[in-house]
PDB file of N, CA and C in Angstrom:
ATOM      1  N   MET A   1     -17.284   3.101  -9.969  1.00  0.00           N
ATOM      2  CA  MET A   1     -15.928   2.433 -10.307  1.00  0.00           C
ATOM      3  C   MET A   1     -14.842   3.151  -9.495  1.00  0.00           C
ATOM      4  N   SER A   2     -14.010   2.154  -8.712  1.00  0.00           N
ATOM      5  CA  SER A   2     -12.929   2.748  -7.861  1.00  0.00           C
ATOM      6  C   SER A   2     -11.783   3.347  -8.837  1.00  0.00           C
ATOM      7  N   GLU A   3     -11.018   4.068  -8.186  1.00  0.00           N
ATOM      8  CA  GLU A   3      -9.910   4.704  -8.817  1.00  0.00           C
ATOM      9  C   GLU A   3      -8.966   3.720  -9.450  1.00  0.00           C
ATOM     10  N   LYS A   4      -8.660   2.567  -8.738  1.00  0.00           N
ATOM     11  CA  LYS A   4      -7.756   1.517  -9.271  1.00  0.00           C
ATOM     12  C   LYS A   4      -8.371   0.883 -10.506  1.00  0.00           C
ATOM     13  N   GLU A   5      -9.820   0.591 -10.416  1.00  0.00           N
ATOM     14  CA  GLU A   5     -10.460   0.188 -11.608  1.00  0.00           C
ATOM     15  C   GLU A   5     -10.360   1.148 -12.802  1.00  0.00           C
ATOM     16  N   ALA A   6     -10.628   2.337 -12.651  1.00  0.00           N
ATOM     17  CA  ALA A   6     -10.432   3.345 -13.737  1.00  0.00           C
ATOM     18  C   ALA A   6      -9.097   3.369 -14.210  1.00  0.00           C
ATOM     19  N   ILE A   7      -8.072   3.325 -13.317  1.00  0.00           N
ATOM     20  CA  ILE A   7      -6.629   3.219 -13.836  1.00  0.00           C
ATOM     21  C   ILE A   7      -6.282   2.013 -14.805  1.00  0.00           C
ATOM     22  N   ALA A   8      -6.828   0.891 -14.214  1.00  0.00           N
ATOM     23  CA  ALA A   8      -6.812  -0.446 -14.943  1.00  0.00           C
ATOM     24  C   ALA A   8      -7.269  -0.300 -16.245  1.00  0.00           C
ATOM     25  N   LYS A   9      -8.522   0.290 -16.254  1.00  0.00           N
ATOM     26  CA  LYS A   9      -9.307   0.451 -17.667  1.00  0.00           C
ATOM     27  C   LYS A   9      -8.424   1.121 -18.571  1.00  0.00           C
ATOM     28  N   SER A  10      -7.723   2.228 -18.193  1.00  0.00           N
ATOM     29  CA  SER A  10      -6.909   3.109 -18.960  1.00  0.00           C
ATOM     30  C   SER A  10      -5.714   2.162 -19.445  1.00  0.00           C
ATOM     31  N   VAL A  11      -5.044   1.386 -18.659  1.00  0.00           N
ATOM     32  CA  VAL A  11      -3.970   0.660 -18.854  1.00  0.00           C
ATOM     33  C   VAL A  11      -4.457  -0.567 -19.915  1.00  0.00           C
ATOM     34  N   GLN A  12      -5.690  -0.996 -19.819  1.00  0.00           N
ATOM     35  CA  GLN A  12      -6.407  -2.068 -20.594  1.00  0.00           C
ATOM     36  C   GLN A  12      -6.283  -1.483 -22.117  1.00  0.00           C
ATOM     37  N   LEU A  13      -6.518  -0.187 -22.222  1.00  0.00           N
ATOM     38  CA  LEU A  13      -6.573   0.418 -23.738  1.00  0.00           C
ATOM     39  C   LEU A  13      -5.325   0.170 -24.340  1.00  0.00           C
ATOM     40  N   TYR A  14      -4.162   0.428 -23.616  1.00  0.00           N
ATOM     41  CA  TYR A  14      -2.863   0.146 -24.139  1.00  0.00           C
ATOM     42  C   TYR A  14      -2.580  -1.351 -24.475  1.00  0.00           C
ATOM     43  N   ILE A  15      -3.078  -2.249 -23.480  1.00  0.00           N
ATOM     44  CA  ILE A  15      -2.837  -3.661 -23.750  1.00  0.00           C
ATOM     45  C   ILE A  15      -3.663  -4.118 -25.053  1.00  0.00           C
ATOM     46  N   ASP A  16      -5.001  -3.629 -25.043  1.00  0.00           N
ATOM     47  CA  ASP A  16      -5.791  -3.901 -26.319  1.00  0.00           C
ATOM     48  C   ASP A  16      -5.139  -3.443 -27.628  1.00  0.00           C
ATOM     49  N   GLY A  17      -4.638  -2.236 -27.683  1.00  0.00           N
ATOM     50  CA  GLY A  17      -3.966  -1.770 -28.812  1.00  0.00           C
ATOM     51  C   GLY A  17      -2.754  -2.597 -29.231  1.00  0.00           C
ATOM     52  N   ALA A  18      -1.938  -3.127 -28.136  1.00  0.00           N
ATOM     53  CA  ALA A  18      -0.853  -3.950 -28.561  1.00  0.00           C
ATOM     54  C   ALA A  18      -1.234  -5.227 -29.161  1.00  0.00           C
ATOM     55  N   ARG A  19      -2.407  -5.720 -28.567  1.00  0.00           N
ATOM     56  CA  ARG A  19      -2.905  -6.976 -29.016  1.00  0.00           C
ATOM     57  C   ARG A  19      -3.366  -6.971 -30.340  1.00  0.00           C
ATOM     58  N   LEU A  20      -3.979  -5.835 -30.720  1.00  0.00           N
ATOM     59  CA  LEU A  20      -4.717  -5.638 -31.941  1.00  0.00           C
ATOM     60  C   LEU A  20      -3.627  -4.982 -33.029  1.00  0.00           C
ATOM     61  N   GLY A  21      -2.473  -4.682 -32.632  1.00  0.00           N
ATOM     62  CA  GLY A  21      -1.502  -3.973 -33.449  1.00  0.00           C
ATOM     63  C   GLY A  21      -2.086  -2.490 -33.986  1.00  0.00           C
ATOM     64  N   GLN A  22      -2.857  -1.933 -33.239  1.00  0.00           N
ATOM     65  CA  GLN A  22      -3.651  -0.591 -33.492  1.00  0.00           C
ATOM     66  C   GLN A  22      -3.167   0.435 -32.403  1.00  0.00           C
ATOM     67  N   SER A  23      -2.367   1.315 -32.955  1.00  0.00           N
ATOM     68  CA  SER A  23      -2.100   2.365 -31.915  1.00  0.00           C
ATOM     69  C   SER A  23      -3.174   3.438 -31.717  1.00  0.00           C
ATOM     70  N   GLY A  24      -4.034   3.414 -32.537  1.00  0.00           N
ATOM     71  CA  GLY A  24      -5.192   4.099 -32.337  1.00  0.00           C
ATOM     72  C   GLY A  24      -6.139   3.877 -31.183  1.00  0.00           C
ATOM     73  N   VAL A  25      -6.091   2.491 -30.781  1.00  0.00           N
ATOM     74  CA  VAL A  25      -6.803   1.888 -29.861  1.00  0.00           C
ATOM     75  C   VAL A  25      -6.304   2.310 -28.465  1.00  0.00           C
ATOM     76  N   MET A  26      -4.782   2.434 -28.397  1.00  0.00           N
ATOM     77  CA  MET A  26      -4.280   2.639 -27.234  1.00  0.00           C
ATOM     78  C   MET A  26      -3.995   4.217 -26.996  1.00  0.00           C
ATOM     79  N   LYS A  27      -4.077   4.894 -27.910  1.00  0.00           N
ATOM     80  CA  LYS A  27      -3.777   6.327 -27.818  1.00  0.00           C
ATOM     81  C   LYS A  27      -4.500   7.076 -26.799  1.00  0.00           C
ATOM     82  N   PRO A  28      -5.848   6.739 -26.764  1.00  0.00           N
ATOM     83  CA  PRO A  28      -6.803   7.375 -25.671  1.00  0.00           C
ATOM     84  C   PRO A  28      -6.363   7.348 -24.242  1.00  0.00           C
ATOM     85  N   ALA A  29      -5.534   6.291 -23.977  1.00  0.00           N
ATOM     86  CA  ALA A  29      -4.871   6.100 -22.678  1.00  0.00           C
ATOM     87  C   ALA A  29      -3.882   6.988 -22.149  1.00  0.00           C
ATOM     88  N   PHE A  30      -3.199   7.647 -23.342  1.00  0.00           N
ATOM     89  CA  PHE A  30      -2.087   8.660 -23.031  1.00  0.00           C
ATOM     90  C   PHE A  30      -2.478  10.191 -23.119  1.00  0.00           C
ATOM     91  N   HIS A  31      -1.768  10.723 -22.285  1.00  0.00           N
ATOM     92  CA  HIS A  31      -1.966  12.183 -22.375  1.00  0.00           C
ATOM     93  C   HIS A  31      -1.210  12.840 -23.583  1.00  0.00           C
ATOM     94  N   GLU A  32      -1.576  13.831 -24.373  1.00  0.00           N
ATOM     95  CA  GLU A  32      -1.078  14.230 -25.521  1.00  0.00           C
ATOM     96  C   GLU A  32       0.385  14.577 -25.227  1.00  0.00           C
ATOM     97  N   ALA A  33       0.805  14.997 -24.086  1.00  0.00           N
ATOM     98  CA  ALA A  33       2.146  15.307 -23.871  1.00  0.00           C
ATOM     99  C   ALA A  33       2.996  14.180 -23.094  1.00  0.00           C
ATOM    100  N   ALA A  34       2.420  12.882 -23.276  1.00  0.00           N
ATOM    101  CA  ALA A  34       3.287  11.736 -22.712  1.00  0.00           C
ATOM    102  C   ALA A  34       4.446  11.401 -23.406  1.00  0.00           C
ATOM    103  N   THR A  35       5.422  10.924 -22.653  1.00  0.00           N
ATOM    104  CA  THR A  35       6.769  10.406 -23.046  1.00  0.00           C
ATOM    105  C   THR A  35       6.961   8.839 -22.835  1.00  0.00           C
ATOM    106  N   ILE A  36       7.889   8.484 -23.549  1.00  0.00           N
ATOM    107  CA  ILE A  36       8.238   6.942 -23.504  1.00  0.00           C
ATOM    108  C   ILE A  36       9.900   6.919 -23.384  1.00  0.00           C
ATOM    109  N   PHE A  37      10.433   6.054 -22.483  1.00  0.00           N
ATOM    110  CA  PHE A  37      11.731   5.861 -22.432  1.00  0.00           C
ATOM    111  C   PHE A  37      12.177   4.505 -22.137  1.00  0.00           C
ATOM    112  N   GLY A  38      13.248   3.815 -22.700  1.00  0.00           N
ATOM    113  CA  GLY A  38      13.759   2.571 -22.355  1.00  0.00           C
ATOM    114  C   GLY A  38      14.877   2.150 -23.308  1.00  0.00           C
ATOM    115  N   PHE A  39      15.385   1.128 -23.032  1.00  0.00           N
ATOM    116  CA  PHE A  39      16.463   0.760 -23.924  1.00  0.00           C
ATOM    117  C   PHE A  39      16.091  -0.484 -24.837  1.00  0.00           C
ATOM    118  N   ASP A  40      16.324  -0.158 -26.078  1.00  0.00           N
ATOM    119  CA  ASP A  40      15.905  -1.161 -27.164  1.00  0.00           C
ATOM    120  C   ASP A  40      17.229  -1.948 -27.397  1.00  0.00           C
ATOM    121  N   GLY A  41      17.526  -2.888 -26.770  1.00  0.00           N
ATOM    122  CA  GLY A  41      18.787  -3.565 -26.800  1.00  0.00           C
ATOM    123  C   GLY A  41      19.767  -2.462 -25.933  1.00  0.00           C
ATOM    124  N   THR A  42      20.808  -2.007 -26.587  1.00  0.00           N
ATOM    125  CA  THR A  42      21.777  -1.162 -25.998  1.00  0.00           C
ATOM    126  C   THR A  42      21.448   0.427 -26.463  1.00  0.00           C
ATOM    127  N   THR A  43      20.493   0.551 -27.186  1.00  0.00           N
ATOM    128  CA  THR A  43      20.123   1.939 -27.624  1.00  0.00           C
ATOM    129  C   THR A  43      19.035   2.450 -27.022  1.00  0.00           C
ATOM    130  N   LEU A  44      19.076   3.685 -26.533  1.00  0.00           N
ATOM    131  CA  LEU A  44      18.024   4.440 -25.819  1.00  0.00           C
ATOM    132  C   LEU A  44      17.060   4.777 -26.708  1.00  0.00           C
ATOM    133  N   PHE A  45      15.716   4.213 -26.417  1.00  0.00           N
ATOM    134  CA  PHE A  45      14.428   4.552 -27.224  1.00  0.00           C
ATOM    135  C   PHE A  45      13.893   5.648 -26.381  1.00  0.00           C
ATOM    136  N   GLY A  46      13.477   6.772 -26.829  1.00  0.00           N
ATOM    137  CA  GLY A  46      12.632   7.923 -26.013  1.00  0.00           C
ATOM    138  C   GLY A  46      12.267   9.009 -26.737  1.00  0.00           C
ATOM    139  N   GLY A  47      11.424   9.606 -26.081  1.00  0.00           N
ATOM    140  CA  GLY A  47      10.906  10.895 -26.545  1.00  0.00           C
ATOM    141  C   GLY A  47       9.343  10.864 -26.379  1.00  0.00           C
ATOM    142  N   PRO A  48       8.791  11.762 -27.223  1.00  0.00           N
ATOM    143  CA  PRO A  48       7.346  11.920 -27.201  1.00  0.00           C
ATOM    144  C   PRO A  48       6.548  10.511 -27.503  1.00  0.00           C
ATOM    145  N   ILE A  49       5.434  10.344 -26.902  1.00  0.00           N
ATOM    146  CA  ILE A  49       4.806   9.059 -27.009  1.00  0.00           C
ATOM    147  C   ILE A  49       4.447   8.647 -28.336  1.00  0.00           C
ATOM    148  N   GLN A  50       4.426   9.644 -29.261  1.00  0.00           N
ATOM    149  CA  GLN A  50       4.161   9.227 -30.722  1.00  0.00           C
ATOM    150  C   GLN A  50       5.139   8.213 -31.290  1.00  0.00           C
ATOM    151  N   LYS A  51       6.307   8.182 -30.580  1.00  0.00           N
ATOM    152  CA  LYS A  51       7.357   7.142 -31.118  1.00  0.00           C
ATOM    153  C   LYS A  51       6.811   5.782 -30.831  1.00  0.00           C
ATOM    154  N   LEU A  52       6.180   5.661 -29.661  1.00  0.00           N
ATOM    155  CA  LEU A  52       5.492   4.308 -29.549  1.00  0.00           C
ATOM    156  C   LEU A  52       4.458   3.980 -30.448  1.00  0.00           C
ATOM    157  N   PHE A  53       3.483   4.965 -30.737  1.00  0.00           N
ATOM    158  CA  PHE A  53       2.457   4.696 -31.689  1.00  0.00           C
ATOM    159  C   PHE A  53       3.032   4.570 -33.116  1.00  0.00           C
ATOM    160  N   ASP A  54       4.084   5.031 -33.464  1.00  0.00           N
ATOM    161  CA  ASP A  54       4.643   4.766 -34.826  1.00  0.00           C
ATOM    162  C   ASP A  54       5.363   3.294 -34.736  1.00  0.00           C
ATOM    163  N   ASP A  55       5.736   2.910 -33.642  1.00  0.00           N
ATOM    164  CA  ASP A  55       6.412   1.581 -33.623  1.00  0.00           C
ATOM    165  C   ASP A  55       5.404   0.366 -33.565  1.00  0.00           C
ATOM    166  N   VAL A  56       4.316   0.673 -33.297  1.00  0.00           N
ATOM    167  CA  VAL A  56       3.339  -0.597 -33.260  1.00  0.00           C
ATOM    168  C   VAL A  56       3.157  -1.126 -34.711  1.00  0.00           C
ATOM    169  N   ASN A  57       3.644  -2.236 -34.855  1.00  0.00           N
ATOM    170  CA  ASN A  57       3.815  -2.738 -36.143  1.00  0.00           C
ATOM    171  C   ASN A  57       3.085  -4.176 -36.484  1.00  0.00           C
ATOM    172  N   GLY A  58       1.724  -4.219 -36.104  1.00  0.00           N
ATOM    173  CA  GLY A  58       1.033  -5.440 -36.335  1.00  0.00           C
ATOM    174  C   GLY A  58       0.627  -6.104 -34.815  1.00  0.00           C
ATOM    175  N   PRO A  59      -0.468  -6.979 -35.100  1.00  0.00           N
ATOM    176  CA  PRO A  59      -1.018  -7.495 -33.827  1.00  0.00           C
ATOM    177  C   PRO A  59      -0.039  -8.486 -33.127  1.00  0.00           C
ATOM    178  N   ALA A  60      -0.274  -8.531 -31.818  1.00  0.00           N
ATOM    179  CA  ALA A  60       0.582  -9.398 -30.905  1.00  0.00           C
ATOM    180  C   ALA A  60      -0.557 -10.180 -30.309  1.00  0.00           C
ATOM    181  N   THR A  61      -0.913 -11.152 -31.260  1.00  0.00           N
ATOM    182  CA  THR A  61      -2.096 -12.131 -30.646  1.00  0.00           C
ATOM    183  C   THR A  61      -1.663 -13.147 -29.645  1.00  0.00           C
ATOM    184  N   GLY A  62      -0.393 -13.235 -29.454  1.00  0.00           N
ATOM    185  CA  GLY A  62      -0.044 -14.254 -28.227  1.00  0.00           C
ATOM    186  C   GLY A  62       0.289 -13.542 -26.913  1.00  0.00           C
ATOM    187  N   LEU A  63       0.038 -12.000 -27.062  1.00  0.00           N
ATOM    188  CA  LEU A  63       0.436 -11.222 -25.792  1.00  0.00           C
ATOM    189  C   LEU A  63      -0.416 -11.716 -24.608  1.00  0.00           C
ATOM    190  N   GLU A  64       0.501 -11.759 -23.409  1.00  0.00           N
ATOM    191  CA  GLU A  64      -0.076 -12.032 -22.204  1.00  0.00           C
ATOM    192  C   GLU A  64       0.345 -10.886 -21.294  1.00  0.00           C
ATOM    193  N   ALA A  65      -0.659 -10.256 -20.678  1.00  0.00           N
ATOM    194  CA  ALA A  65      -0.497  -8.983 -19.868  1.00  0.00           C
ATOM    195  C   ALA A  65      -0.962  -9.127 -18.448  1.00  0.00           C
ATOM    196  N   SER A  66      -0.373  -8.680 -17.547  1.00  0.00           N
ATOM    197  CA  SER A  66      -0.623  -8.728 -16.069  1.00  0.00           C
ATOM    198  C   SER A  66      -0.179  -7.445 -15.404  1.00  0.00           C
ATOM    199  N   ILE A  67      -1.279  -6.834 -14.919  1.00  0.00           N
ATOM    200  CA  ILE A  67      -1.089  -5.681 -13.948  1.00  0.00           C
ATOM    201  C   ILE A  67      -0.730  -6.183 -12.681  1.00  0.00           C
ATOM    202  N   VAL A  68       0.606  -5.887 -12.362  1.00  0.00           N
ATOM    203  CA  VAL A  68       1.366  -6.340 -11.113  1.00  0.00           C
ATOM    204  C   VAL A  68       0.928  -5.534  -9.934  1.00  0.00           C
ATOM    205  N   SER A  69       0.925  -4.220 -10.167  1.00  0.00           N
ATOM    206  CA  SER A  69       0.610  -3.340  -8.977  1.00  0.00           C
ATOM    207  C   SER A  69      -0.034  -1.971  -9.659  1.00  0.00           C
ATOM    208  N   ILE A  70      -0.811  -1.476  -8.771  1.00  0.00           N
ATOM    209  CA  ILE A  70      -1.358  -0.083  -8.957  1.00  0.00           C
ATOM    210  C   ILE A  70      -1.298   0.713  -7.626  1.00  0.00           C
ATOM    211  N   ASP A  71      -0.563   1.803  -7.530  1.00  0.00           N
ATOM    212  CA  ASP A  71      -0.432   2.656  -6.430  1.00  0.00           C
ATOM    213  C   ASP A  71      -1.084   4.111  -6.763  1.00  0.00           C
ATOM    214  N   VAL A  72      -2.087   4.445  -5.913  1.00  0.00           N
ATOM    215  CA  VAL A  72      -2.727   5.765  -6.071  1.00  0.00           C
ATOM    216  C   VAL A  72      -2.401   6.583  -4.997  1.00  0.00           C
ATOM    217  N   ILE A  73      -2.070   7.807  -5.126  1.00  0.00           N
ATOM    218  CA  ILE A  73      -1.852   8.859  -4.268  1.00  0.00           C
ATOM    219  C   ILE A  73      -2.728  10.013  -4.697  1.00  0.00           C
ATOM    220  N   GLY A  74      -3.882  10.320  -4.352  1.00  0.00           N
ATOM    221  CA  GLY A  74      -4.612  11.470  -4.903  1.00  0.00           C
ATOM    222  C   GLY A  74      -4.865  11.357  -6.170  1.00  0.00           C
ATOM    223  N   THR A  75      -4.216  12.522  -7.038  1.00  0.00           N
ATOM    224  CA  THR A  75      -4.544  12.607  -8.448  1.00  0.00           C
ATOM    225  C   THR A  75      -3.170  11.953  -9.135  1.00  0.00           C
ATOM    226  N   ILE A  76      -2.288  11.231  -8.476  1.00  0.00           N
ATOM    227  CA  ILE A  76      -1.296  10.541  -9.222  1.00  0.00           C
ATOM    228  C   ILE A  76      -1.336   8.996  -8.995  1.00  0.00           C
ATOM    229  N   ALA A  77      -0.760   8.307  -9.887  1.00  0.00           N
ATOM    230  CA  ALA A  77      -0.644   6.858  -9.783  1.00  0.00           C
ATOM    231  C   ALA A  77       0.417   6.254 -10.531  1.00  0.00           C
ATOM    232  N   ALA A  78       0.965   5.105 -10.048  1.00  0.00           N
ATOM    233  CA  ALA A  78       1.989   4.222 -10.664  1.00  0.00           C
ATOM    234  C   ALA A  78       1.406   2.870 -10.881  1.00  0.00           C
ATOM    235  N   VAL A  79       1.800   2.324 -12.155  1.00  0.00           N
ATOM    236  CA  VAL A  79       1.385   1.026 -12.580  1.00  0.00           C
ATOM    237  C   VAL A  79       2.555   0.212 -13.003  1.00  0.00           C
ATOM    238  N   ARG A  80       2.676  -1.090 -12.680  1.00  0.00           N
ATOM    239  CA  ARG A  80       3.732  -2.025 -13.067  1.00  0.00           C
ATOM    240  C   ARG A  80       2.924  -2.854 -13.952  1.00  0.00           C
ATOM    241  N   LEU A  81       3.309  -3.218 -15.196  1.00  0.00           N
ATOM    242  CA  LEU A  81       2.625  -4.060 -16.146  1.00  0.00           C
ATOM    243  C   LEU A  81       3.746  -4.954 -16.603  1.00  0.00           C
ATOM    244  N   GLU A  82       3.370  -6.354 -16.527  1.00  0.00           N
ATOM    245  CA  GLU A  82       4.392  -7.396 -17.241  1.00  0.00           C
ATOM    246  C   GLU A  82       3.654  -7.773 -18.430  1.00  0.00           C
ATOM    247  N   LEU A  83       4.391  -7.829 -19.467  1.00  0.00           N
ATOM    248  CA  LEU A  83       4.051  -8.212 -20.782  1.00  0.00           C
ATOM    249  C   LEU A  83       4.884  -9.404 -21.268  1.00  0.00           C
ATOM    250  N   LYS A  84       4.262 -10.588 -21.768  1.00  0.00           N
ATOM    251  CA  LYS A  84       4.965 -11.580 -22.205  1.00  0.00           C
ATOM    252  C   LYS A  84       4.545 -11.820 -23.647  1.00  0.00           C
ATOM    253  N   ASN A  85       5.462 -12.137 -24.483  1.00  0.00           N
ATOM    254  CA  ASN A  85       5.374 -12.502 -25.828  1.00  0.00           C
ATOM    255  C   ASN A  85       4.568 -11.303 -26.724  1.00  0.00           C
ATOM    256  N   TRP A  86       5.206 -10.079 -26.529  1.00  0.00           N
ATOM    257  CA  TRP A  86       4.775  -9.069 -27.554  1.00  0.00           C
ATOM    258  C   TRP A  86       5.610  -9.306 -28.877  1.00  0.00           C
ATOM    259  N   SER A  87       5.043 -10.097 -29.779  1.00  0.00           N
ATOM    260  CA  SER A  87       5.679 -10.542 -31.001  1.00  0.00           C
ATOM    261  C   SER A  87       7.034 -11.116 -30.544  1.00  0.00           C
ATOM    262  N   GLY A  88       7.044 -11.962 -29.547  1.00  0.00           N
ATOM    263  CA  GLY A  88       8.327 -12.673 -29.245  1.00  0.00           C
ATOM    264  C   GLY A  88       9.071 -12.008 -28.024  1.00  0.00           C
ATOM    265  N   VAL A  89       8.798 -10.767 -27.667  1.00  0.00           N
ATOM    266  CA  VAL A  89       9.612 -10.071 -26.601  1.00  0.00           C
ATOM    267  C   VAL A  89       8.717  -9.920 -25.392  1.00  0.00           C
ATOM    268  N   ASN A  90       9.618 -10.034 -24.232  1.00  0.00           N
ATOM    269  CA  ASN A  90       8.977  -9.828 -22.990  1.00  0.00           C
ATOM    270  C   ASN A  90       9.285  -8.331 -22.390  1.00  0.00           C
ATOM    271  N   TYR A  91       8.373  -7.772 -21.882  1.00  0.00           N
ATOM    272  CA  TYR A  91       8.681  -6.327 -21.312  1.00  0.00           C
ATOM    273  C   TYR A  91       8.208  -6.250 -19.915  1.00  0.00           C
ATOM    274  N   THR A  92       8.810  -5.383 -19.139  1.00  0.00           N
ATOM    275  CA  THR A  92       8.133  -4.772 -17.867  1.00  0.00           C
ATOM    276  C   THR A  92       7.940  -3.266 -18.113  1.00  0.00           C
ATOM    277  N   ASP A  93       6.713  -2.748 -18.043  1.00  0.00           N
ATOM    278  CA  ASP A  93       6.482  -1.331 -18.235  1.00  0.00           C
ATOM    279  C   ASP A  93       6.063  -0.657 -16.908  1.00  0.00           C
ATOM    280  N   LEU A  94       6.574   0.356 -16.513  1.00  0.00           N
ATOM    281  CA  LEU A  94       6.175   1.224 -15.566  1.00  0.00           C
ATOM    282  C   LEU A  94       5.486   2.513 -16.027  1.00  0.00           C
ATOM    283  N   PHE A  95       4.289   2.844 -15.521  1.00  0.00           N
ATOM    284  CA  PHE A  95       3.644   4.006 -16.065  1.00  0.00           C
ATOM    285  C   PHE A  95       3.398   4.931 -14.954  1.00  0.00           C
ATOM    286  N   THR A  96       3.492   6.244 -15.201  1.00  0.00           N
ATOM    287  CA  THR A  96       2.892   7.160 -14.193  1.00  0.00           C
ATOM    288  C   THR A  96       1.658   7.851 -14.837  1.00  0.00           C
ATOM    289  N   LEU A  97       0.619   7.927 -13.995  1.00  0.00           N
ATOM    290  CA  LEU A  97      -0.542   8.471 -14.574  1.00  0.00           C
ATOM    291  C   LEU A  97      -0.969   9.750 -13.655  1.00  0.00           C
ATOM    292  N   LEU A  98      -1.797  10.622 -14.183  1.00  0.00           N
ATOM    293  CA  LEU A  98      -2.403  11.826 -13.601  1.00  0.00           C
ATOM    294  C   LEU A  98      -3.773  11.962 -13.998  1.00  0.00           C
ATOM    295  N   LYS A  99      -4.553  12.153 -13.033  1.00  0.00           N
ATOM    296  CA  LYS A  99      -6.152  12.404 -13.306  1.00  0.00           C
ATOM    297  C   LYS A  99      -6.219  13.666 -13.706  1.00  0.00           C
ATOM    298  N   VAL A 100      -6.665  13.811 -15.133  1.00  0.00           N
ATOM    299  CA  VAL A 100      -6.786  15.127 -15.802  1.00  0.00           C
ATOM    300  C   VAL A 100      -8.304  15.158 -16.201  1.00  0.00           C
ATOM    301  N   ASP A 101      -8.883  16.256 -15.762  1.00  0.00           N
ATOM    302  CA  ASP A 101     -10.413  16.403 -16.131  1.00  0.00           C
ATOM    303  C   ASP A 101     -11.177  15.244 -15.861  1.00  0.00           C
ATOM    304  N   GLY A 102     -10.891  14.373 -14.725  1.00  0.00           N
ATOM    305  CA  GLY A 102     -11.623  13.389 -14.139  1.00  0.00           C
ATOM    306  C   GLY A 102     -11.272  12.034 -15.001  1.00  0.00           C
ATOM    307  N   GLN A 103     -10.163  12.085 -15.766  1.00  0.00           N
ATOM    308  CA  GLN A 103      -9.810  10.784 -16.338  1.00  0.00           C
ATOM    309  C   GLN A 103      -8.340  10.552 -16.058  1.00  0.00           C
ATOM    310  N   TRP A 104      -7.987   9.250 -15.881  1.00  0.00           N
ATOM    311  CA  TRP A 104      -6.679   8.722 -15.691  1.00  0.00           C
ATOM    312  C   TRP A 104      -5.964   8.763 -16.931  1.00  0.00           C
ATOM    313  N   LYS A 105      -4.918   9.569 -17.325  1.00  0.00           N
ATOM    314  CA  LYS A 105      -4.122   9.429 -18.530  1.00  0.00           C
ATOM    315  C   LYS A 105      -2.694   9.172 -18.080  1.00  0.00           C
ATOM    316  N   ILE A 106      -2.092   8.229 -19.043  1.00  0.00           N
ATOM    317  CA  ILE A 106      -0.716   7.999 -18.781  1.00  0.00           C
ATOM    318  C   ILE A 106       0.243   9.046 -19.257  1.00  0.00           C
ATOM    319  N   MET A 107       1.048   9.424 -18.392  1.00  0.00           N
ATOM    320  CA  MET A 107       1.859  10.675 -18.564  1.00  0.00           C
ATOM    321  C   MET A 107       3.278  10.194 -19.156  1.00  0.00           C
ATOM    322  N   ASN A 108       3.698   9.062 -18.510  1.00  0.00           N
ATOM    323  CA  ASN A 108       5.068   8.617 -18.928  1.00  0.00           C
ATOM    324  C   ASN A 108       5.013   6.919 -18.878  1.00  0.00           C
ATOM    325  N   LYS A 109       5.826   6.580 -19.931  1.00  0.00           N
ATOM    326  CA  LYS A 109       5.924   5.073 -19.851  1.00  0.00           C
ATOM    327  C   LYS A 109       7.559   4.729 -19.888  1.00  0.00           C
ATOM    328  N   VAL A 110       8.133   3.972 -19.001  1.00  0.00           N
ATOM    329  CA  VAL A 110       9.286   3.448 -18.926  1.00  0.00           C
ATOM    330  C   VAL A 110       9.173   1.994 -19.229  1.00  0.00           C
ATOM    331  N   PHE A 111      10.298   1.490 -19.824  1.00  0.00           N
ATOM    332  CA  PHE A 111      10.086   0.007 -20.177  1.00  0.00           C
ATOM    333  C   PHE A 111      11.561  -0.639 -20.095  1.00  0.00           C
ATOM    334  N   HIS A 112      11.487  -1.909 -19.554  1.00  0.00           N
ATOM    335  CA  HIS A 112      12.564  -2.798 -19.621  1.00  0.00           C
ATOM    336  C   HIS A 112      12.397  -3.902 -20.706  1.00  0.00           C
ATOM    337  N   VAL A 113      13.383  -4.253 -21.538  1.00  0.00           N
ATOM    338  CA  VAL A 113      13.038  -5.499 -22.436  1.00  0.00           C
ATOM    339  C   VAL A 113      13.897  -6.657 -21.658  1.00  0.00           C
ATOM    340  N   HIS A 114      13.236  -7.704 -21.581  1.00  0.00           N
ATOM    341  CA  HIS A 114      13.894  -8.786 -20.936  1.00  0.00           C
ATOM    342  C   HIS A 114      14.736  -9.557 -21.864  1.00  0.00           C
ATOM    343  N   ALA A 115      15.950 -10.096 -21.529  1.00  0.00           N
ATOM    344  CA  ALA A 115      16.742 -11.011 -22.476  1.00  0.00           C
ATOM    345  C   ALA A 115      16.110 -12.332 -22.611  1.00  0.00           C
TER     346      ALA A 115
END
């Protein structure tokens, strides 16, 4: 498996967890010290990634997800993910990943909510 395929597999766990509405499915994609930041309307939403897990509130069965780009530099990577219709909301997510003990883990998620 190529590095980009391994990274996409990690991001797919996040997508699958969103579709199923189960944070436990997406949790293995993230490093335990990962963070999340973005604006939920005009309010800054941010902190430990557990805030994302706590905010997952049901399946997003109509979710469409597209990995737009994956950039890899050695043991670091950046991913842009476009999400349409996560319970009626569209997002752009940017992830930074680090290869830890041979596995790609999301270290940070920043997001933009589209009006």
